[in-house]
PDB file of N, CA and C in Angstrom:
ATOM      1  N   MET A   1     -32.912  52.455 111.485  1.00  0.00           N
ATOM      2  CA  MET A   1     -31.909  52.201 110.419  1.00  0.00           C
ATOM      3  C   MET A   1     -32.228  52.915 109.149  1.00  0.00           C
ATOM      4  N   LEU A   2     -31.189  53.469 108.678  1.00  0.00           N
ATOM      5  CA  LEU A   2     -31.512  54.195 107.344  1.00  0.00           C
ATOM      6  C   LEU A   2     -30.797  53.415 106.248  1.00  0.00           C
ATOM      7  N   ARG A   3     -31.364  53.030 105.187  1.00  0.00           N
ATOM      8  CA  ARG A   3     -30.802  52.222 104.144  1.00  0.00           C
ATOM      9  C   ARG A   3     -29.666  53.043 103.637  1.00  0.00           C
ATOM     10  N   ASN A   4     -28.473  52.499 103.463  1.00  0.00           N
ATOM     11  CA  ASN A   4     -27.279  53.034 102.858  1.00  0.00           C
ATOM     12  C   ASN A   4     -26.713  54.204 103.809  1.00  0.00           C
ATOM     13  N   HIS A   5     -27.328  54.466 105.000  1.00  0.00           N
ATOM     14  CA  HIS A   5     -26.649  55.605 105.828  1.00  0.00           C
ATOM     15  C   HIS A   5     -26.416  55.032 107.292  1.00  0.00           C
ATOM     16  N   GLY A   6     -26.951  53.946 107.803  1.00  0.00           N
ATOM     17  CA  GLY A   6     -26.577  53.397 109.068  1.00  0.00           C
ATOM     18  C   GLY A   6     -27.610  53.704 110.159  1.00  0.00           C
ATOM     19  N   LEU A   7     -27.166  53.682 111.237  1.00  0.00           N
ATOM     20  CA  LEU A   7     -27.860  53.848 112.548  1.00  0.00           C
ATOM     21  C   LEU A   7     -28.130  55.339 113.039  1.00  0.00           C
ATOM     22  N   LEU A   8     -29.389  55.587 113.473  1.00  0.00           N
ATOM     23  CA  LEU A   8     -29.587  56.842 114.130  1.00  0.00           C
ATOM     24  C   LEU A   8     -30.084  56.447 115.590  1.00  0.00           C
ATOM     25  N   THR A   9     -29.660  57.254 116.561  1.00  0.00           N
ATOM     26  CA  THR A   9     -30.171  56.853 117.929  1.00  0.00           C
ATOM     27  C   THR A   9     -30.454  58.351 118.630  1.00  0.00           C
ATOM     28  N   VAL A  10     -31.367  58.192 119.564  1.00  0.00           N
ATOM     29  CA  VAL A  10     -31.754  59.249 120.286  1.00  0.00           C
ATOM     30  C   VAL A  10     -31.715  58.934 121.838  1.00  0.00           C
ATOM     31  N   GLY A  11     -31.598  59.838 122.754  1.00  0.00           N
ATOM     32  CA  GLY A  11     -31.772  59.499 124.086  1.00  0.00           C
ATOM     33  C   GLY A  11     -31.981  60.770 124.880  1.00  0.00           C
ATOM     34  N   ASP A  12     -32.294  60.596 126.136  1.00  0.00           N
ATOM     35  CA  ASP A  12     -32.408  61.730 127.127  1.00  0.00           C
ATOM     36  C   ASP A  12     -31.082  62.647 127.234  1.00  0.00           C
ATOM     37  N   SER A  13     -30.038  61.935 127.070  1.00  0.00           N
ATOM     38  CA  SER A  13     -28.757  62.483 127.050  1.00  0.00           C
ATOM     39  C   SER A  13     -27.739  61.983 125.941  1.00  0.00           C
ATOM     40  N   VAL A  14     -26.626  62.592 125.746  1.00  0.00           N
ATOM     41  CA  VAL A  14     -25.744  62.187 124.800  1.00  0.00           C
ATOM     42  C   VAL A  14     -25.304  60.768 125.126  1.00  0.00           C
ATOM     43  N   ASP A  15     -24.941  60.665 126.448  1.00  0.00           N
ATOM     44  CA  ASP A  15     -24.508  59.252 126.941  1.00  0.00           C
ATOM     45  C   ASP A  15     -25.473  58.202 126.570  1.00  0.00           C
ATOM     46  N   ALA A  16     -26.782  58.415 126.930  1.00  0.00           N
ATOM     47  CA  ALA A  16     -27.777  57.351 126.374  1.00  0.00           C
ATOM     48  C   ALA A  16     -27.864  57.061 124.948  1.00  0.00           C
ATOM     49  N   ALA A  17     -27.852  58.145 124.249  1.00  0.00           N
ATOM     50  CA  ALA A  17     -27.861  57.987 122.782  1.00  0.00           C
ATOM     51  C   ALA A  17     -26.578  57.220 122.355  1.00  0.00           C
ATOM     52  N   ALA A  18     -25.396  57.597 122.816  1.00  0.00           N
ATOM     53  CA  ALA A  18     -24.173  56.744 122.516  1.00  0.00           C
ATOM     54  C   ALA A  18     -24.434  55.359 122.936  1.00  0.00           C
ATOM     55  N   TRP A  19     -24.925  55.061 124.009  1.00  0.00           N
ATOM     56  CA  TRP A  19     -25.130  53.563 124.467  1.00  0.00           C
ATOM     57  C   TRP A  19     -26.111  52.885 123.407  1.00  0.00           C
ATOM     58  N   TRP A  20     -27.092  53.478 123.140  1.00  0.00           N
ATOM     59  CA  TRP A  20     -28.047  52.971 122.193  1.00  0.00           C
ATOM     60  C   TRP A  20     -27.386  52.550 120.863  1.00  0.00           C
ATOM     61  N   PHE A  21     -26.421  53.584 120.432  1.00  0.00           N
ATOM     62  CA  PHE A  21     -25.871  53.240 119.091  1.00  0.00           C
ATOM     63  C   PHE A  21     -24.900  52.011 119.280  1.00  0.00           C
ATOM     64  N   LEU A  22     -24.083  52.010 120.328  1.00  0.00           N
ATOM     65  CA  LEU A  22     -23.304  50.823 120.679  1.00  0.00           C
ATOM     66  C   LEU A  22     -23.940  49.675 120.723  1.00  0.00           C
ATOM     67  N   SER A  23     -25.140  49.537 121.373  1.00  0.00           N
ATOM     68  CA  SER A  23     -25.966  48.490 121.655  1.00  0.00           C
ATOM     69  C   SER A  23     -26.473  47.930 120.349  1.00  0.00           C
ATOM     70  N   MET A  24     -26.993  48.803 119.493  1.00  0.00           N
ATOM     71  CA  MET A  24     -27.547  48.405 118.186  1.00  0.00           C
ATOM     72  C   MET A  24     -26.532  47.923 117.241  1.00  0.00           C
ATOM     73  N   GLU A  25     -25.328  48.565 117.315  1.00  0.00           N
ATOM     74  CA  GLU A  25     -24.198  48.012 116.564  1.00  0.00           C
ATOM     75  C   GLU A  25     -23.807  46.591 116.895  1.00  0.00           C
ATOM     76  N   ARG A  26     -23.677  46.328 118.151  1.00  0.00           N
ATOM     77  CA  ARG A  26     -23.372  45.036 118.760  1.00  0.00           C
ATOM     78  C   ARG A  26     -24.464  43.974 118.350  1.00  0.00           C
ATOM     79  N   SER A  27     -25.789  44.454 118.512  1.00  0.00           N
ATOM     80  CA  SER A  27     -26.844  43.595 118.098  1.00  0.00           C
ATOM     81  C   SER A  27     -26.835  43.203 116.693  1.00  0.00           C
ATOM     82  N   CYS A  28     -26.480  44.152 115.827  1.00  0.00           N
ATOM     83  CA  CYS A  28     -26.389  43.837 114.292  1.00  0.00           C
ATOM     84  C   CYS A  28     -25.280  42.786 114.040  1.00  0.00           C
ATOM     85  N   GLN A  29     -24.220  42.999 114.809  1.00  0.00           N
ATOM     86  CA  GLN A  29     -23.016  42.054 114.632  1.00  0.00           C
ATOM     87  C   GLN A  29     -23.443  40.668 115.089  1.00  0.00           C
ATOM     88  N   VAL A  30     -24.118  40.546 116.177  1.00  0.00           N
ATOM     89  CA  VAL A  30     -24.566  39.215 116.655  1.00  0.00           C
ATOM     90  C   VAL A  30     -25.618  38.636 115.763  1.00  0.00           C
ATOM     91  N   GLN A  31     -26.441  39.384 115.262  1.00  0.00           N
ATOM     92  CA  GLN A  31     -27.436  38.861 114.394  1.00  0.00           C
ATOM     93  C   GLN A  31     -26.744  38.215 112.940  1.00  0.00           C
ATOM     94  N   LEU A  32     -25.818  39.014 112.509  1.00  0.00           N
ATOM     95  CA  LEU A  32     -25.130  38.503 111.337  1.00  0.00           C
ATOM     96  C   LEU A  32     -24.276  37.317 111.648  1.00  0.00           C
ATOM     97  N   THR A  33     -23.745  37.304 112.744  1.00  0.00           N
ATOM     98  CA  THR A  33     -22.914  36.033 113.111  1.00  0.00           C
ATOM     99  C   THR A  33     -23.865  34.855 113.322  1.00  0.00           C
ATOM    100  N   ALA A  34     -24.971  35.052 113.865  1.00  0.00           N
ATOM    101  CA  ALA A  34     -25.973  34.019 114.172  1.00  0.00           C
ATOM    102  C   ALA A  34     -26.430  33.397 112.820  1.00  0.00           C
ATOM    103  N   ARG A  35     -26.709  34.308 111.924  1.00  0.00           N
ATOM    104  CA  ARG A  35     -27.228  33.933 110.605  1.00  0.00           C
ATOM    105  C   ARG A  35     -26.126  33.217 109.797  1.00  0.00           C
ATOM    106  N   ALA A  36     -24.884  33.627 110.062  1.00  0.00           N
ATOM    107  CA  ALA A  36     -23.832  32.998 109.220  1.00  0.00           C
ATOM    108  C   ALA A  36     -23.680  31.551 109.774  1.00  0.00           C
ATOM    109  N   ALA A  37     -23.896  31.401 111.043  1.00  0.00           N
ATOM    110  CA  ALA A  37     -23.760  30.099 111.591  1.00  0.00           C
ATOM    111  C   ALA A  37     -24.942  29.137 111.449  1.00  0.00           C
ATOM    112  N   GLY A  38     -26.009  29.541 110.901  1.00  0.00           N
ATOM    113  CA  GLY A  38     -27.112  28.676 110.540  1.00  0.00           C
ATOM    114  C   GLY A  38     -28.411  29.423 110.816  1.00  0.00           C
ATOM    115  N   ARG A  39     -29.397  28.799 111.305  1.00  0.00           N
ATOM    116  CA  ARG A  39     -30.685  29.419 111.433  1.00  0.00           C
ATOM    117  C   ARG A  39     -30.826  29.802 113.036  1.00  0.00           C
ATOM    118  N   PRO A  40     -30.852  31.041 113.185  1.00  0.00           N
ATOM    119  CA  PRO A  40     -30.967  31.533 114.572  1.00  0.00           C
ATOM    120  C   PRO A  40     -32.287  31.216 115.234  1.00  0.00           C
ATOM    121  N   VAL A  41     -32.274  31.015 116.584  1.00  0.00           N
ATOM    122  CA  VAL A  41     -33.330  30.670 117.415  1.00  0.00           C
ATOM    123  C   VAL A  41     -34.016  31.839 117.973  1.00  0.00           C
ATOM    124  N   LEU A  42     -35.175  32.244 117.459  1.00  0.00           N
ATOM    125  CA  LEU A  42     -35.794  33.457 117.933  1.00  0.00           C
ATOM    126  C   LEU A  42     -36.410  33.371 119.147  1.00  0.00           C
ATOM    127  N   ILE A  43     -36.473  34.419 120.139  1.00  0.00           N
ATOM    128  CA  ILE A  43     -37.003  34.464 121.321  1.00  0.00           C
ATOM    129  C   ILE A  43     -38.601  34.876 121.124  1.00  0.00           C
ATOM    130  N   ASP A  44     -39.451  34.481 122.034  1.00  0.00           N
ATOM    131  CA  ASP A  44     -40.760  34.791 121.772  1.00  0.00           C
ATOM    132  C   ASP A  44     -41.077  36.264 122.102  1.00  0.00           C
ATOM    133  N   HIS A  45     -42.250  36.669 121.798  1.00  0.00           N
ATOM    134  CA  HIS A  45     -42.613  38.130 121.937  1.00  0.00           C
ATOM    135  C   HIS A  45     -42.766  38.528 123.391  1.00  0.00           C
ATOM    136  N   ARG A  46     -43.272  37.672 124.229  1.00  0.00           N
ATOM    137  CA  ARG A  46     -43.245  38.013 125.605  1.00  0.00           C
ATOM    138  C   ARG A  46     -41.920  38.254 126.260  1.00  0.00           C
ATOM    139  N   ALA A  47     -40.911  37.488 125.885  1.00  0.00           N
ATOM    140  CA  ALA A  47     -39.552  37.554 126.345  1.00  0.00           C
ATOM    141  C   ALA A  47     -38.927  38.830 125.895  1.00  0.00           C
ATOM    142  N   ALA A  48     -39.231  39.132 124.748  1.00  0.00           N
ATOM    143  CA  ALA A  48     -38.645  40.422 124.080  1.00  0.00           C
ATOM    144  C   ALA A  48     -39.269  41.622 124.801  1.00  0.00           C
ATOM    145  N   VAL A  49     -40.423  41.635 125.014  1.00  0.00           N
ATOM    146  CA  VAL A  49     -41.125  42.720 125.702  1.00  0.00           C
ATOM    147  C   VAL A  49     -40.659  42.835 127.121  1.00  0.00           C
ATOM    148  N   SER A  50     -40.461  41.803 127.856  1.00  0.00           N
ATOM    149  CA  SER A  50     -39.930  41.813 129.130  1.00  0.00           C
ATOM    150  C   SER A  50     -38.556  42.282 129.247  1.00  0.00           C
ATOM    151  N   THR A  51     -37.766  41.937 128.289  1.00  0.00           N
ATOM    152  CA  THR A  51     -36.313  42.445 128.172  1.00  0.00           C
ATOM    153  C   THR A  51     -36.375  43.908 128.033  1.00  0.00           C
ATOM    154  N   ARG A  52     -37.201  44.339 126.997  1.00  0.00           N
ATOM    155  CA  ARG A  52     -37.266  45.814 126.765  1.00  0.00           C
ATOM    156  C   ARG A  52     -37.771  46.596 127.957  1.00  0.00           C
ATOM    157  N   GLU A  53     -38.626  46.084 128.722  1.00  0.00           N
ATOM    158  CA  GLU A  53     -39.207  46.783 129.989  1.00  0.00           C
ATOM    159  C   GLU A  53     -38.147  46.862 131.029  1.00  0.00           C
ATOM    160  N   GLN A  54     -37.137  45.873 131.114  1.00  0.00           N
ATOM    161  CA  GLN A  54     -36.164  45.852 132.094  1.00  0.00           C
ATOM    162  C   GLN A  54     -34.952  46.742 131.670  1.00  0.00           C
ATOM    163  N   LEU A  55     -34.651  46.639 130.467  1.00  0.00           N
ATOM    164  CA  LEU A  55     -33.370  47.282 129.949  1.00  0.00           C
ATOM    165  C   LEU A  55     -33.492  48.455 128.940  1.00  0.00           C
ATOM    166  N   GLY A  56     -34.687  48.829 128.589  1.00  0.00           N
ATOM    167  CA  GLY A  56     -34.922  49.677 127.492  1.00  0.00           C
ATOM    168  C   GLY A  56     -35.080  51.142 127.957  1.00  0.00           C
ATOM    169  N   GLY A  57     -34.782  51.680 129.064  1.00  0.00           N
ATOM    170  CA  GLY A  57     -34.929  52.972 129.426  1.00  0.00           C
ATOM    171  C   GLY A  57     -33.636  53.752 129.296  1.00  0.00           C
ATOM    172  N   ASP A  58     -33.801  55.067 129.109  1.00  0.00           N
ATOM    173  CA  ASP A  58     -32.614  55.928 129.021  1.00  0.00           C
ATOM    174  C   ASP A  58     -31.700  55.957 130.220  1.00  0.00           C
ATOM    175  N   LEU A  59     -32.236  55.730 131.435  1.00  0.00           N
ATOM    176  CA  LEU A  59     -31.479  55.688 132.581  1.00  0.00           C
ATOM    177  C   LEU A  59     -30.536  54.438 132.633  1.00  0.00           C
ATOM    178  N   VAL A  60     -31.019  53.325 132.132  1.00  0.00           N
ATOM    179  CA  VAL A  60     -30.252  52.144 132.053  1.00  0.00           C
ATOM    180  C   VAL A  60     -29.150  52.367 131.014  1.00  0.00           C
ATOM    181  N   ALA A  61     -29.475  53.047 129.952  1.00  0.00           N
ATOM    182  CA  ALA A  61     -28.471  53.200 128.901  1.00  0.00           C
ATOM    183  C   ALA A  61     -27.345  54.222 129.502  1.00  0.00           C
ATOM    184  N   TRP A  62     -27.817  55.269 130.168  1.00  0.00           N
ATOM    185  CA  TRP A  62     -26.912  56.214 130.793  1.00  0.00           C
ATOM    186  C   TRP A  62     -25.933  55.462 131.631  1.00  0.00           C
ATOM    187  N   ILE A  63     -26.516  54.575 132.515  1.00  0.00           N
ATOM    188  CA  ILE A  63     -25.669  53.917 133.495  1.00  0.00           C
ATOM    189  C   ILE A  63     -24.601  52.997 132.788  1.00  0.00           C
ATOM    190  N   ASN A  64     -25.173  52.283 131.832  1.00  0.00           N
ATOM    191  CA  ASN A  64     -24.235  51.343 130.970  1.00  0.00           C
ATOM    192  C   ASN A  64     -23.124  52.032 130.224  1.00  0.00           C
ATOM    193  N   TYR A  65     -23.361  53.264 129.890  1.00  0.00           N
ATOM    194  CA  TYR A  65     -22.307  54.018 129.132  1.00  0.00           C
ATOM    195  C   TYR A  65     -21.232  54.574 130.111  1.00  0.00           C
ATOM    196  N   GLN A  66     -21.574  54.754 131.360  1.00  0.00           N
ATOM    197  CA  GLN A  66     -20.650  55.405 132.240  1.00  0.00           C
ATOM    198  C   GLN A  66     -19.220  54.659 132.338  1.00  0.00           C
ATOM    199  N   PRO A  67     -19.100  53.496 132.405  1.00  0.00           N
ATOM    200  CA  PRO A  67     -17.686  52.849 132.485  1.00  0.00           C
ATOM    201  C   PRO A  67     -16.926  53.124 131.078  1.00  0.00           C
ATOM    202  N   LEU A  68     -17.609  53.170 130.002  1.00  0.00           N
ATOM    203  CA  LEU A  68     -17.049  53.485 128.765  1.00  0.00           C
ATOM    204  C   LEU A  68     -16.410  54.952 128.791  1.00  0.00           C
ATOM    205  N   TRP A  69     -17.314  55.900 129.238  1.00  0.00           N
ATOM    206  CA  TRP A  69     -16.962  57.245 129.323  1.00  0.00           C
ATOM    207  C   TRP A  69     -15.635  57.443 130.340  1.00  0.00           C
ATOM    208  N   GLN A  70     -15.751  56.621 131.401  1.00  0.00           N
ATOM    209  CA  GLN A  70     -14.584  56.740 132.262  1.00  0.00           C
ATOM    210  C   GLN A  70     -13.261  56.262 131.649  1.00  0.00           C
ATOM    211  N   ASP A  71     -13.325  55.199 130.775  1.00  0.00           N
ATOM    212  CA  ASP A  71     -12.132  54.768 130.065  1.00  0.00           C
ATOM    213  C   ASP A  71     -11.791  55.655 129.085  1.00  0.00           C
ATOM    214  N   ILE A  72     -12.561  56.321 128.419  1.00  0.00           N
ATOM    215  CA  ILE A  72     -12.327  57.312 127.358  1.00  0.00           C
ATOM    216  C   ILE A  72     -11.685  58.520 128.148  1.00  0.00           C
ATOM    217  N   SER A  73     -12.203  59.026 129.197  1.00  0.00           N
ATOM    218  CA  SER A  73     -11.709  60.086 129.823  1.00  0.00           C
ATOM    219  C   SER A  73     -10.511  59.848 130.413  1.00  0.00           C
ATOM    220  N   ARG A  74     -10.092  58.660 130.840  1.00  0.00           N
ATOM    221  CA  ARG A  74      -8.771  58.389 131.364  1.00  0.00           C
ATOM    222  C   ARG A  74      -7.745  58.202 130.338  1.00  0.00           C
ATOM    223  N   SER A  75      -8.149  57.703 129.163  1.00  0.00           N
ATOM    224  CA  SER A  75      -7.054  57.447 128.075  1.00  0.00           C
ATOM    225  C   SER A  75      -6.844  58.564 127.319  1.00  0.00           C
ATOM    226  N   GLU A  76      -7.847  59.541 127.223  1.00  0.00           N
ATOM    227  CA  GLU A  76      -7.743  60.848 126.545  1.00  0.00           C
ATOM    228  C   GLU A  76      -7.972  62.020 127.414  1.00  0.00           C
ATOM    229  N   PRO A  77      -6.993  62.364 128.289  1.00  0.00           N
ATOM    230  CA  PRO A  77      -7.359  63.429 129.353  1.00  0.00           C
ATOM    231  C   PRO A  77      -7.554  64.813 128.615  1.00  0.00           C
ATOM    232  N   ASP A  78      -6.975  65.037 127.518  1.00  0.00           N
ATOM    233  CA  ASP A  78      -7.083  66.320 126.884  1.00  0.00           C
ATOM    234  C   ASP A  78      -8.368  66.317 125.902  1.00  0.00           C
ATOM    235  N   LEU A  79      -9.179  65.483 126.010  1.00  0.00           N
ATOM    236  CA  LEU A  79     -10.248  65.240 125.020  1.00  0.00           C
ATOM    237  C   LEU A  79     -11.187  66.544 125.029  1.00  0.00           C
ATOM    238  N   LEU A  80     -11.570  67.148 126.255  1.00  0.00           N
ATOM    239  CA  LEU A  80     -12.472  68.287 126.306  1.00  0.00           C
ATOM    240  C   LEU A  80     -11.631  69.495 126.497  1.00  0.00           C
ATOM    241  N   SER A  81     -10.460  69.581 126.266  1.00  0.00           N
ATOM    242  CA  SER A  81      -9.702  70.845 126.435  1.00  0.00           C
ATOM    243  C   SER A  81      -9.745  71.736 125.208  1.00  0.00           C
TER     244      SER A  81
END
């Protein structure tokens, strides 16, 4: 995150980078909502590392982005013309 500039993401593909951006945006929204509701319950370090190992690869990001890309492609057929 860049102060006053927002999020930067990278990935092995544009699809993966787009997914990381969307995922981080959603994570920020959830964190702000949790803080507004009270004191969030944090997960322990081991659970965070385990989640990262399972879901943190660019292949997983690419796979998760595909349904969104299909929706965009269907709703905007002239997008790449």
